[in-house]
Amino acid sequence: GLEPYRDVPIVFTGLRPGEKLHEE
């Protein structure tokens, strides 16, 4: 019942150690 970015922010933190952008 909330609005993204207005009521709840979304923060981009960067890929963590060992993570891929896309899985296969």
mmCIF file of all heavy atoms, coordinates in Angstrom:
data_MODEL
# 
_entry.id   MODEL 
# 
loop_
_atom_site.group_PDB 
_atom_site.id 
_atom_site.type_symbol 
_atom_site.label_atom_id 
_atom_site.label_alt_id 
_atom_site.label_comp_id 
_atom_site.label_asym_id 
_atom_site.label_entity_id 
_atom_site.label_seq_id 
_atom_site.pdbx_PDB_ins_code 
_atom_site.Cartn_x 
_atom_site.Cartn_y 
_atom_site.Cartn_z 
_atom_site.occupancy 
_atom_site.B_iso_or_equiv 
_atom_site.pdbx_formal_charge 
_atom_site.auth_seq_id 
_atom_site.auth_comp_id 
_atom_site.auth_asym_id 
_atom_site.auth_atom_id 
_atom_site.pdbx_PDB_model_num 
ATOM 1   N N   . GLY A 1 1  ? 0.798  -1.222  0.000   1.00 0.00 ? 1  GLY A N   1 
ATOM 2   C CA  . GLY A 1 1  ? 0.000  0.000   0.000   1.00 0.00 ? 1  GLY A CA  1 
ATOM 3   C C   . GLY A 1 1  ? 0.826  1.264   0.000   1.00 0.00 ? 1  GLY A C   1 
ATOM 4   O O   . GLY A 1 1  ? 0.309  2.340   0.329   1.00 0.00 ? 1  GLY A O   1 
ATOM 5   N N   . LEU A 1 2  ? 2.107  1.153   -0.370  1.00 0.00 ? 2  LEU A N   1 
ATOM 6   C CA  . LEU A 1 2  ? 2.998  2.319   -0.359  1.00 0.00 ? 2  LEU A CA  1 
ATOM 7   C C   . LEU A 1 2  ? 3.516  2.575   -1.771  1.00 0.00 ? 2  LEU A C   1 
ATOM 8   O O   . LEU A 1 2  ? 3.351  1.761   -2.679  1.00 0.00 ? 2  LEU A O   1 
ATOM 9   C CB  . LEU A 1 2  ? 4.158  2.079   0.611   1.00 0.00 ? 2  LEU A CB  1 
ATOM 10  C CG  . LEU A 1 2  ? 3.754  1.766   2.066   1.00 0.00 ? 2  LEU A CG  1 
ATOM 11  C CD1 . LEU A 1 2  ? 4.963  1.341   2.871   1.00 0.00 ? 2  LEU A CD1 1 
ATOM 12  C CD2 . LEU A 1 2  ? 3.063  2.971   2.701   1.00 0.00 ? 2  LEU A CD2 1 
ATOM 13  N N   . GLU A 1 3  ? 4.186  3.699   -1.914  1.00 0.00 ? 3  GLU A N   1 
ATOM 14  C CA  . GLU A 1 3  ? 4.712  4.089   -3.221  1.00 0.00 ? 3  GLU A CA  1 
ATOM 15  C C   . GLU A 1 3  ? 6.234  3.996   -3.201  1.00 0.00 ? 3  GLU A C   1 
ATOM 16  O O   . GLU A 1 3  ? 6.890  4.590   -2.342  1.00 0.00 ? 3  GLU A O   1 
ATOM 17  C CB  . GLU A 1 3  ? 4.276  5.516   -3.561  1.00 0.00 ? 3  GLU A CB  1 
ATOM 18  C CG  . GLU A 1 3  ? 4.673  5.984   -4.950  1.00 0.00 ? 3  GLU A CG  1 
ATOM 19  C CD  . GLU A 1 3  ? 4.013  5.177   -6.055  1.00 0.00 ? 3  GLU A CD  1 
ATOM 20  O OE1 . GLU A 1 3  ? 2.898  4.639   -5.831  1.00 0.00 ? 3  GLU A OE1 1 
ATOM 21  O OE2 . GLU A 1 3  ? 4.612  5.076   -7.137  1.00 0.00 ? 3  GLU A OE2 1 
ATOM 22  N N   . PRO A 1 4  ? 6.818  3.223   -4.157  1.00 0.00 ? 4  PRO A N   1 
ATOM 23  C CA  . PRO A 1 4  ? 8.284  3.129   -4.210  1.00 0.00 ? 4  PRO A CA  1 
ATOM 24  C C   . PRO A 1 4  ? 8.926  4.491   -4.410  1.00 0.00 ? 4  PRO A C   1 
ATOM 25  O O   . PRO A 1 4  ? 8.380  5.362   -5.105  1.00 0.00 ? 4  PRO A O   1 
ATOM 26  C CB  . PRO A 1 4  ? 8.535  2.214   -5.415  1.00 0.00 ? 4  PRO A CB  1 
ATOM 27  C CG  . PRO A 1 4  ? 7.249  1.491   -5.644  1.00 0.00 ? 4  PRO A CG  1 
ATOM 28  C CD  . PRO A 1 4  ? 6.172  2.415   -5.197  1.00 0.00 ? 4  PRO A CD  1 
ATOM 29  N N   . TYR A 1 5  ? 10.083 4.671   -3.767  1.00 0.00 ? 5  TYR A N   1 
ATOM 30  C CA  . TYR A 1 5  ? 10.916 5.869   -3.865  1.00 0.00 ? 5  TYR A CA  1 
ATOM 31  C C   . TYR A 1 5  ? 10.312 7.084   -3.140  1.00 0.00 ? 5  TYR A C   1 
ATOM 32  O O   . TYR A 1 5  ? 11.043 7.968   -2.730  1.00 0.00 ? 5  TYR A O   1 
ATOM 33  C CB  . TYR A 1 5  ? 11.204 6.245   -5.329  1.00 0.00 ? 5  TYR A CB  1 
ATOM 34  C CG  . TYR A 1 5  ? 11.778 5.114   -6.126  1.00 0.00 ? 5  TYR A CG  1 
ATOM 35  C CD1 . TYR A 1 5  ? 10.997 4.418   -7.046  1.00 0.00 ? 5  TYR A CD1 1 
ATOM 36  C CD2 . TYR A 1 5  ? 13.099 4.702   -5.940  1.00 0.00 ? 5  TYR A CD2 1 
ATOM 37  C CE1 . TYR A 1 5  ? 11.512 3.362   -7.779  1.00 0.00 ? 5  TYR A CE1 1 
ATOM 38  C CE2 . TYR A 1 5  ? 13.624 3.643   -6.671  1.00 0.00 ? 5  TYR A CE2 1 
ATOM 39  C CZ  . TYR A 1 5  ? 12.829 2.971   -7.586  1.00 0.00 ? 5  TYR A CZ  1 
ATOM 40  O OH  . TYR A 1 5  ? 13.331 1.925   -8.299  1.00 0.00 ? 5  TYR A OH  1 
ATOM 41  N N   . ARG A 1 6  ? 8.965  7.089   -2.987  1.00 0.00 ? 6  ARG A N   1 
ATOM 42  C CA  . ARG A 1 6  ? 8.358  8.185   -2.243  1.00 0.00 ? 6  ARG A CA  1 
ATOM 43  C C   . ARG A 1 6  ? 8.169  7.797   -0.777  1.00 0.00 ? 6  ARG A C   1 
ATOM 44  O O   . ARG A 1 6  ? 8.648  8.468   0.128   1.00 0.00 ? 6  ARG A O   1 
ATOM 45  C CB  . ARG A 1 6  ? 7.011  8.569   -2.854  1.00 0.00 ? 6  ARG A CB  1 
ATOM 46  C CG  . ARG A 1 6  ? 6.371  9.812   -2.206  1.00 0.00 ? 6  ARG A CG  1 
ATOM 47  C CD  . ARG A 1 6  ? 4.928  9.986   -2.669  1.00 0.00 ? 6  ARG A CD  1 
ATOM 48  N NE  . ARG A 1 6  ? 4.057  8.936   -2.129  1.00 0.00 ? 6  ARG A NE  1 
ATOM 49  C CZ  . ARG A 1 6  ? 2.809  8.714   -2.522  1.00 0.00 ? 6  ARG A CZ  1 
ATOM 50  N NH1 . ARG A 1 6  ? 2.293  9.468   -3.492  1.00 0.00 ? 6  ARG A NH1 1 
ATOM 51  N NH2 . ARG A 1 6  ? 2.087  7.761   -1.974  1.00 0.00 ? 6  ARG A NH2 1 
ATOM 52  N N   . ASP A 1 7  ? 7.448  6.688   -0.536  1.00 0.00 ? 7  ASP A N   1 
ATOM 53  C CA  . ASP A 1 7  ? 7.206  6.228   0.836   1.00 0.00 ? 7  ASP A CA  1 
ATOM 54  C C   . ASP A 1 7  ? 8.340  5.341   1.350   1.00 0.00 ? 7  ASP A C   1 
ATOM 55  O O   . ASP A 1 7  ? 8.667  5.370   2.545   1.00 0.00 ? 7  ASP A O   1 
ATOM 56  C CB  . ASP A 1 7  ? 5.889  5.451   0.918   1.00 0.00 ? 7  ASP A CB  1 
ATOM 57  C CG  . ASP A 1 7  ? 4.698  6.295   0.502   1.00 0.00 ? 7  ASP A CG  1 
ATOM 58  O OD1 . ASP A 1 7  ? 4.677  7.485   0.859   1.00 0.00 ? 7  ASP A OD1 1 
ATOM 59  O OD2 . ASP A 1 7  ? 3.801  5.770   -0.179  1.00 0.00 ? 7  ASP A OD2 1 
ATOM 60  N N   . VAL A 1 8  ? 8.897  4.532   0.458   1.00 0.00 ? 8  VAL A N   1 
ATOM 61  C CA  . VAL A 1 8  ? 9.998  3.633   0.837   1.00 0.00 ? 8  VAL A CA  1 
ATOM 62  C C   . VAL A 1 8  ? 11.119 3.808   -0.173  1.00 0.00 ? 8  VAL A C   1 
ATOM 63  O O   . VAL A 1 8  ? 10.965 3.463   -1.346  1.00 0.00 ? 8  VAL A O   1 
ATOM 64  C CB  . VAL A 1 8  ? 9.541  2.158   0.870   1.00 0.00 ? 8  VAL A CB  1 
ATOM 65  C CG1 . VAL A 1 8  ? 10.711 1.258   1.264   1.00 0.00 ? 8  VAL A CG1 1 
ATOM 66  C CG2 . VAL A 1 8  ? 8.373  1.962   1.824   1.00 0.00 ? 8  VAL A CG2 1 
ATOM 67  N N   . PRO A 1 9  ? 12.264 4.324   0.236   1.00 0.00 ? 9  PRO A N   1 
ATOM 68  C CA  . PRO A 1 9  ? 13.390 4.491   -0.693  1.00 0.00 ? 9  PRO A CA  1 
ATOM 69  C C   . PRO A 1 9  ? 13.976 3.132   -1.103  1.00 0.00 ? 9  PRO A C   1 
ATOM 70  O O   . PRO A 1 9  ? 13.882 2.149   -0.370  1.00 0.00 ? 9  PRO A O   1 
ATOM 71  C CB  . PRO A 1 9  ? 14.409 5.301   0.116   1.00 0.00 ? 9  PRO A CB  1 
ATOM 72  C CG  . PRO A 1 9  ? 13.651 5.853   1.284   1.00 0.00 ? 9  PRO A CG  1 
ATOM 73  C CD  . PRO A 1 9  ? 12.550 4.882   1.566   1.00 0.00 ? 9  PRO A CD  1 
ATOM 74  N N   . ILE A 1 10 ? 14.566 3.100   -2.289  1.00 0.00 ? 10 ILE A N   1 
ATOM 75  C CA  . ILE A 1 10 ? 15.334 1.939   -2.743  1.00 0.00 ? 10 ILE A CA  1 
ATOM 76  C C   . ILE A 1 10 ? 16.756 2.422   -2.992  1.00 0.00 ? 10 ILE A C   1 
ATOM 77  O O   . ILE A 1 10 ? 16.985 3.333   -3.788  1.00 0.00 ? 10 ILE A O   1 
ATOM 78  C CB  . ILE A 1 10 ? 14.739 1.326   -4.017  1.00 0.00 ? 10 ILE A CB  1 
ATOM 79  C CG1 . ILE A 1 10 ? 13.318 0.800   -3.744  1.00 0.00 ? 10 ILE A CG1 1 
ATOM 80  C CG2 . ILE A 1 10 ? 15.624 0.197   -4.530  1.00 0.00 ? 10 ILE A CG2 1 
ATOM 81  C CD1 . ILE A 1 10 ? 12.620 0.232   -4.965  1.00 0.00 ? 10 ILE A CD1 1 
ATOM 82  N N   . VAL A 1 11 ? 17.708 1.822   -2.287  1.00 0.00 ? 11 VAL A N   1 
ATOM 83  C CA  . VAL A 1 11 ? 19.103 2.252   -2.333  1.00 0.00 ? 11 VAL A CA  1 
ATOM 84  C C   . VAL A 1 11 ? 19.925 1.187   -3.048  1.00 0.00 ? 11 VAL A C   1 
ATOM 85  O O   . VAL A 1 11 ? 19.809 -0.010  -2.754  1.00 0.00 ? 11 VAL A O   1 
ATOM 86  C CB  . VAL A 1 11 ? 19.652 2.475   -0.907  1.00 0.00 ? 11 VAL A CB  1 
ATOM 87  C CG1 . VAL A 1 11 ? 21.125 2.861   -0.958  1.00 0.00 ? 11 VAL A CG1 1 
ATOM 88  C CG2 . VAL A 1 11 ? 18.836 3.540   -0.186  1.00 0.00 ? 11 VAL A CG2 1 
ATOM 89  N N   . PHE A 1 12 ? 20.779 1.608   -3.991  1.00 0.00 ? 12 PHE A N   1 
ATOM 90  C CA  . PHE A 1 12 ? 21.643 0.680   -4.724  1.00 0.00 ? 12 PHE A CA  1 
ATOM 91  C C   . PHE A 1 12 ? 23.020 0.680   -4.064  1.00 0.00 ? 12 PHE A C   1 
ATOM 92  O O   . PHE A 1 12 ? 23.667 1.718   -3.936  1.00 0.00 ? 12 PHE A O   1 
ATOM 93  C CB  . PHE A 1 12 ? 21.733 1.094   -6.192  1.00 0.00 ? 12 PHE A CB  1 
ATOM 94  C CG  . PHE A 1 12 ? 20.398 1.051   -6.884  1.00 0.00 ? 12 PHE A CG  1 
ATOM 95  C CD1 . PHE A 1 12 ? 19.681 2.222   -7.120  1.00 0.00 ? 12 PHE A CD1 1 
ATOM 96  C CD2 . PHE A 1 12 ? 19.852 -0.166  -7.287  1.00 0.00 ? 12 PHE A CD2 1 
ATOM 97  C CE1 . PHE A 1 12 ? 18.442 2.189   -7.737  1.00 0.00 ? 12 PHE A CE1 1 
ATOM 98  C CE2 . PHE A 1 12 ? 18.614 -0.204  -7.913  1.00 0.00 ? 12 PHE A CE2 1 
ATOM 99  C CZ  . PHE A 1 12 ? 17.907 0.954   -8.143  1.00 0.00 ? 12 PHE A CZ  1 
ATOM 100 N N   . THR A 1 13 ? 23.461 -0.519  -3.645  1.00 0.00 ? 13 THR A N   1 
ATOM 101 C CA  . THR A 1 13 ? 24.663 -0.639  -2.821  1.00 0.00 ? 13 THR A CA  1 
ATOM 102 C C   . THR A 1 13 ? 25.869 -1.195  -3.559  1.00 0.00 ? 13 THR A C   1 
ATOM 103 O O   . THR A 1 13 ? 26.970 -1.195  -3.026  1.00 0.00 ? 13 THR A O   1 
ATOM 104 C CB  . THR A 1 13 ? 24.374 -1.550  -1.617  1.00 0.00 ? 13 THR A CB  1 
ATOM 105 O OG1 . THR A 1 13 ? 23.977 -2.857  -2.094  1.00 0.00 ? 13 THR A OG1 1 
ATOM 106 C CG2 . THR A 1 13 ? 23.264 -0.979  -0.744  1.00 0.00 ? 13 THR A CG2 1 
ATOM 107 N N   . GLY A 1 14 ? 25.702 -1.677  -4.782  1.00 0.00 ? 14 GLY A N   1 
ATOM 108 C CA  . GLY A 1 14 ? 26.800 -2.302  -5.507  1.00 0.00 ? 14 GLY A CA  1 
ATOM 109 C C   . GLY A 1 14 ? 26.834 -3.808  -5.266  1.00 0.00 ? 14 GLY A C   1 
ATOM 110 O O   . GLY A 1 14 ? 26.418 -4.293  -4.210  1.00 0.00 ? 14 GLY A O   1 
ATOM 111 N N   . LEU A 1 15 ? 27.318 -4.545  -6.244  1.00 0.00 ? 15 LEU A N   1 
ATOM 112 C CA  . LEU A 1 15 ? 27.385 -6.006  -6.129  1.00 0.00 ? 15 LEU A CA  1 
ATOM 113 C C   . LEU A 1 15 ? 28.254 -6.405  -4.947  1.00 0.00 ? 15 LEU A C   1 
ATOM 114 O O   . LEU A 1 15 ? 29.320 -5.825  -4.709  1.00 0.00 ? 15 LEU A O   1 
ATOM 115 C CB  . LEU A 1 15 ? 27.939 -6.616  -7.415  1.00 0.00 ? 15 LEU A CB  1 
ATOM 116 C CG  . LEU A 1 15 ? 27.036 -6.510  -8.654  1.00 0.00 ? 15 LEU A CG  1 
ATOM 117 C CD1 . LEU A 1 15 ? 27.779 -7.039  -9.877  1.00 0.00 ? 15 LEU A CD1 1 
ATOM 118 C CD2 . LEU A 1 15 ? 25.745 -7.278  -8.450  1.00 0.00 ? 15 LEU A CD2 1 
ATOM 119 N N   . ARG A 1 16 ? 27.795 -7.413  -4.208  1.00 0.00 ? 16 ARG A N   1 
ATOM 120 C CA  . ARG A 1 16 ? 28.541 -7.912  -3.064  1.00 0.00 ? 16 ARG A CA  1 
ATOM 121 C C   . ARG A 1 16 ? 29.624 -8.881  -3.514  1.00 0.00 ? 16 ARG A C   1 
ATOM 122 O O   . ARG A 1 16 ? 29.601 -9.356  -4.668  1.00 0.00 ? 16 ARG A O   1 
ATOM 123 C CB  . ARG A 1 16 ? 27.579 -8.598  -2.085  1.00 0.00 ? 16 ARG A CB  1 
ATOM 124 C CG  . ARG A 1 16 ? 26.520 -7.659  -1.508  1.00 0.00 ? 16 ARG A CG  1 
ATOM 125 C CD  . ARG A 1 16 ? 25.545 -8.397  -0.608  1.00 0.00 ? 16 ARG A CD  1 
ATOM 126 N NE  . ARG A 1 16 ? 24.805 -9.407  -1.353  1.00 0.00 ? 16 ARG A NE  1 
ATOM 127 C CZ  . ARG A 1 16 ? 23.919 -10.233 -0.790  1.00 0.00 ? 16 ARG A CZ  1 
ATOM 128 N NH1 . ARG A 1 16 ? 23.687 -10.172 0.512   1.00 0.00 ? 16 ARG A NH1 1 
ATOM 129 N NH2 . ARG A 1 16 ? 23.283 -11.124 -1.523  1.00 0.00 ? 16 ARG A NH2 1 
ATOM 130 N N   . PRO A 1 17 ? 30.560 -9.207  -2.640  1.00 0.00 ? 17 PRO A N   1 
ATOM 131 C CA  . PRO A 1 17 ? 31.629 -10.144 -3.011  1.00 0.00 ? 17 PRO A CA  1 
ATOM 132 C C   . PRO A 1 17 ? 31.063 -11.466 -3.522  1.00 0.00 ? 17 PRO A C   1 
ATOM 133 O O   . PRO A 1 17 ? 30.220 -12.084 -2.882  1.00 0.00 ? 17 PRO A O   1 
ATOM 134 C CB  . PRO A 1 17 ? 32.390 -10.348 -1.692  1.00 0.00 ? 17 PRO A CB  1 
ATOM 135 C CG  . PRO A 1 17 ? 32.140 -9.101  -0.916  1.00 0.00 ? 17 PRO A CG  1 
ATOM 136 C CD  . PRO A 1 17 ? 30.752 -8.672  -1.278  1.00 0.00 ? 17 PRO A CD  1 
ATOM 137 N N   . GLY A 1 18 ? 31.528 -11.876 -4.679  1.00 0.00 ? 18 GLY A N   1 
ATOM 138 C CA  . GLY A 1 18 ? 31.129 -13.163 -5.239  1.00 0.00 ? 18 GLY A CA  1 
ATOM 139 C C   . GLY A 1 18 ? 29.855 -13.140 -6.046  1.00 0.00 ? 18 GLY A C   1 
ATOM 140 O O   . GLY A 1 18 ? 29.464 -14.161 -6.618  1.00 0.00 ? 18 GLY A O   1 
ATOM 141 N N   . GLU A 1 19 ? 29.178 -11.986 -6.133  1.00 0.00 ? 19 GLU A N   1 
ATOM 142 C CA  . GLU A 1 19 ? 27.892 -11.932 -6.820  1.00 0.00 ? 19 GLU A CA  1 
ATOM 143 C C   . GLU A 1 19 ? 28.065 -11.597 -8.295  1.00 0.00 ? 19 GLU A C   1 
ATOM 144 O O   . GLU A 1 19 ? 28.951 -10.848 -8.691  1.00 0.00 ? 19 GLU A O   1 
ATOM 145 C CB  . GLU A 1 19 ? 26.983 -10.881 -6.177  1.00 0.00 ? 19 GLU A CB  1 
ATOM 146 C CG  . GLU A 1 19 ? 26.309 -11.341 -4.907  1.00 0.00 ? 19 GLU A CG  1 
ATOM 147 C CD  . GLU A 1 19 ? 25.203 -10.403 -4.496  1.00 0.00 ? 19 GLU A CD  1 
ATOM 148 O OE1 . GLU A 1 19 ? 25.355 -9.179  -4.701  1.00 0.00 ? 19 GLU A OE1 1 
ATOM 149 O OE2 . GLU A 1 19 ? 24.204 -10.879 -3.959  1.00 0.00 ? 19 GLU A OE2 1 
ATOM 150 N N   . LYS A 1 20 ? 27.140 -12.138 -9.111  1.00 0.00 ? 20 LYS A N   1 
ATOM 151 C CA  . LYS A 1 20 ? 27.068 -11.817 -10.526 1.00 0.00 ? 20 LYS A CA  1 
ATOM 152 C C   . LYS A 1 20 ? 25.923 -10.840 -10.778 1.00 0.00 ? 20 LYS A C   1 
ATOM 153 O O   . LYS A 1 20 ? 24.991 -10.747 -9.981  1.00 0.00 ? 20 LYS A O   1 
ATOM 154 C CB  . LYS A 1 20 ? 26.778 -13.075 -11.353 1.00 0.00 ? 20 LYS A CB  1 
ATOM 155 C CG  . LYS A 1 20 ? 27.839 -14.146 -11.360 1.00 0.00 ? 20 LYS A CG  1 
ATOM 156 C CD  . LYS A 1 20 ? 27.334 -15.282 -12.249 1.00 0.00 ? 20 LYS A CD  1 
ATOM 157 C CE  . LYS A 1 20 ? 28.274 -16.457 -12.240 1.00 0.00 ? 20 LYS A CE  1 
ATOM 158 N NZ  . LYS A 1 20 ? 27.736 -17.567 -13.068 1.00 0.00 ? 20 LYS A NZ  1 
ATOM 159 N N   . LEU A 1 21 ? 26.000 -10.171 -11.916 1.00 0.00 ? 21 LEU A N   1 
ATOM 160 C CA  . LEU A 1 21 ? 24.895 -9.320  -12.331 1.00 0.00 ? 21 LEU A CA  1 
ATOM 161 C C   . LEU A 1 21 ? 23.726 -10.184 -12.808 1.00 0.00 ? 21 LEU A C   1 
ATOM 162 O O   . LEU A 1 21 ? 22.563 -9.926  -12.494 1.00 0.00 ? 21 LEU A O   1 
ATOM 163 C CB  . LEU A 1 21 ? 25.346 -8.374  -13.453 1.00 0.00 ? 21 LEU A CB  1 
ATOM 164 C CG  . LEU A 1 21 ? 24.436 -7.176  -13.749 1.00 0.00 ? 21 LEU A CG  1 
ATOM 165 C CD1 . LEU A 1 21 ? 24.299 -6.280  -12.531 1.00 0.00 ? 21 LEU A CD1 1 
ATOM 166 C CD2 . LEU A 1 21 ? 24.981 -6.398  -14.940 1.00 0.00 ? 21 LEU A CD2 1 
ATOM 167 N N   . HIS A 1 22 ? 24.047 -11.230 -13.566 1.00 0.00 ? 22 HIS A N   1 
ATOM 168 C CA  . HIS A 1 22 ? 23.025 -12.145 -14.088 1.00 0.00 ? 22 HIS A CA  1 
ATOM 169 C C   . HIS A 1 22 ? 23.490 -13.583 -13.848 1.00 0.00 ? 22 HIS A C   1 
ATOM 170 O O   . HIS A 1 22 ? 24.641 -13.914 -14.119 1.00 0.00 ? 22 HIS A O   1 
ATOM 171 C CB  . HIS A 1 22 ? 22.794 -11.928 -15.583 1.00 0.00 ? 22 HIS A CB  1 
ATOM 172 C CG  . HIS A 1 22 ? 22.539 -10.505 -15.962 1.00 0.00 ? 22 HIS A CG  1 
ATOM 173 N ND1 . HIS A 1 22 ? 21.390 -9.831  -15.595 1.00 0.00 ? 22 HIS A ND1 1 
ATOM 174 C CD2 . HIS A 1 22 ? 23.297 -9.622  -16.666 1.00 0.00 ? 22 HIS A CD2 1 
ATOM 175 C CE1 . HIS A 1 22 ? 21.444 -8.601  -16.059 1.00 0.00 ? 22 HIS A CE1 1 
ATOM 176 N NE2 . HIS A 1 22 ? 22.592 -8.446  -16.709 1.00 0.00 ? 22 HIS A NE2 1 
ATOM 177 N N   . GLU A 1 23 ? 22.571 -14.435 -13.369 1.00 0.00 ? 23 GLU A N   1 
ATOM 178 C CA  . GLU A 1 23 ? 22.881 -15.842 -13.174 1.00 0.00 ? 23 GLU A CA  1 
ATOM 179 C C   . GLU A 1 23 ? 22.642 -16.617 -14.467 1.00 0.00 ? 23 GLU A C   1 
ATOM 180 O O   . GLU A 1 23 ? 21.926 -16.171 -15.369 1.00 0.00 ? 23 GLU A O   1 
ATOM 181 C CB  . GLU A 1 23 ? 22.032 -16.438 -12.039 1.00 0.00 ? 23 GLU A CB  1 
ATOM 182 C CG  . GLU A 1 23 ? 22.329 -15.847 -10.672 1.00 0.00 ? 23 GLU A CG  1 
ATOM 183 C CD  . GLU A 1 23 ? 23.686 -16.250 -10.118 1.00 0.00 ? 23 GLU A CD  1 
ATOM 184 O OE1 . GLU A 1 23 ? 24.407 -17.016 -10.785 1.00 0.00 ? 23 GLU A OE1 1 
ATOM 185 O OE2 . GLU A 1 23 ? 24.036 -15.787 -9.030  1.00 0.00 ? 23 GLU A OE2 1 
ATOM 186 N N   . GLU A 1 24 ? 23.256 -17.802 -14.551 1.00 0.00 ? 24 GLU A N   1 
ATOM 187 C CA  . GLU A 1 24 ? 23.109 -18.668 -15.713 1.00 0.00 ? 24 GLU A CA  1 
ATOM 188 C C   . GLU A 1 24 ? 22.657 -20.046 -15.248 1.00 0.00 ? 24 GLU A C   1 
ATOM 189 O O   . GLU A 1 24 ? 22.908 -20.440 -14.112 1.00 0.00 ? 24 GLU A O   1 
ATOM 190 C CB  . GLU A 1 24 ? 24.438 -18.794 -16.455 1.00 0.00 ? 24 GLU A CB  1 
ATOM 191 C CG  . GLU A 1 24 ? 25.030 -17.456 -16.875 1.00 0.00 ? 24 GLU A CG  1 
ATOM 192 C CD  . GLU A 1 24 ? 26.505 -17.583 -17.217 1.00 0.00 ? 24 GLU A CD  1 
ATOM 193 O OE1 . GLU A 1 24 ? 27.329 -17.512 -16.292 1.00 0.00 ? 24 GLU A OE1 1 
ATOM 194 O OE2 . GLU A 1 24 ? 26.804 -17.772 -18.409 1.00 0.00 ? 24 GLU A OE2 1 
# 
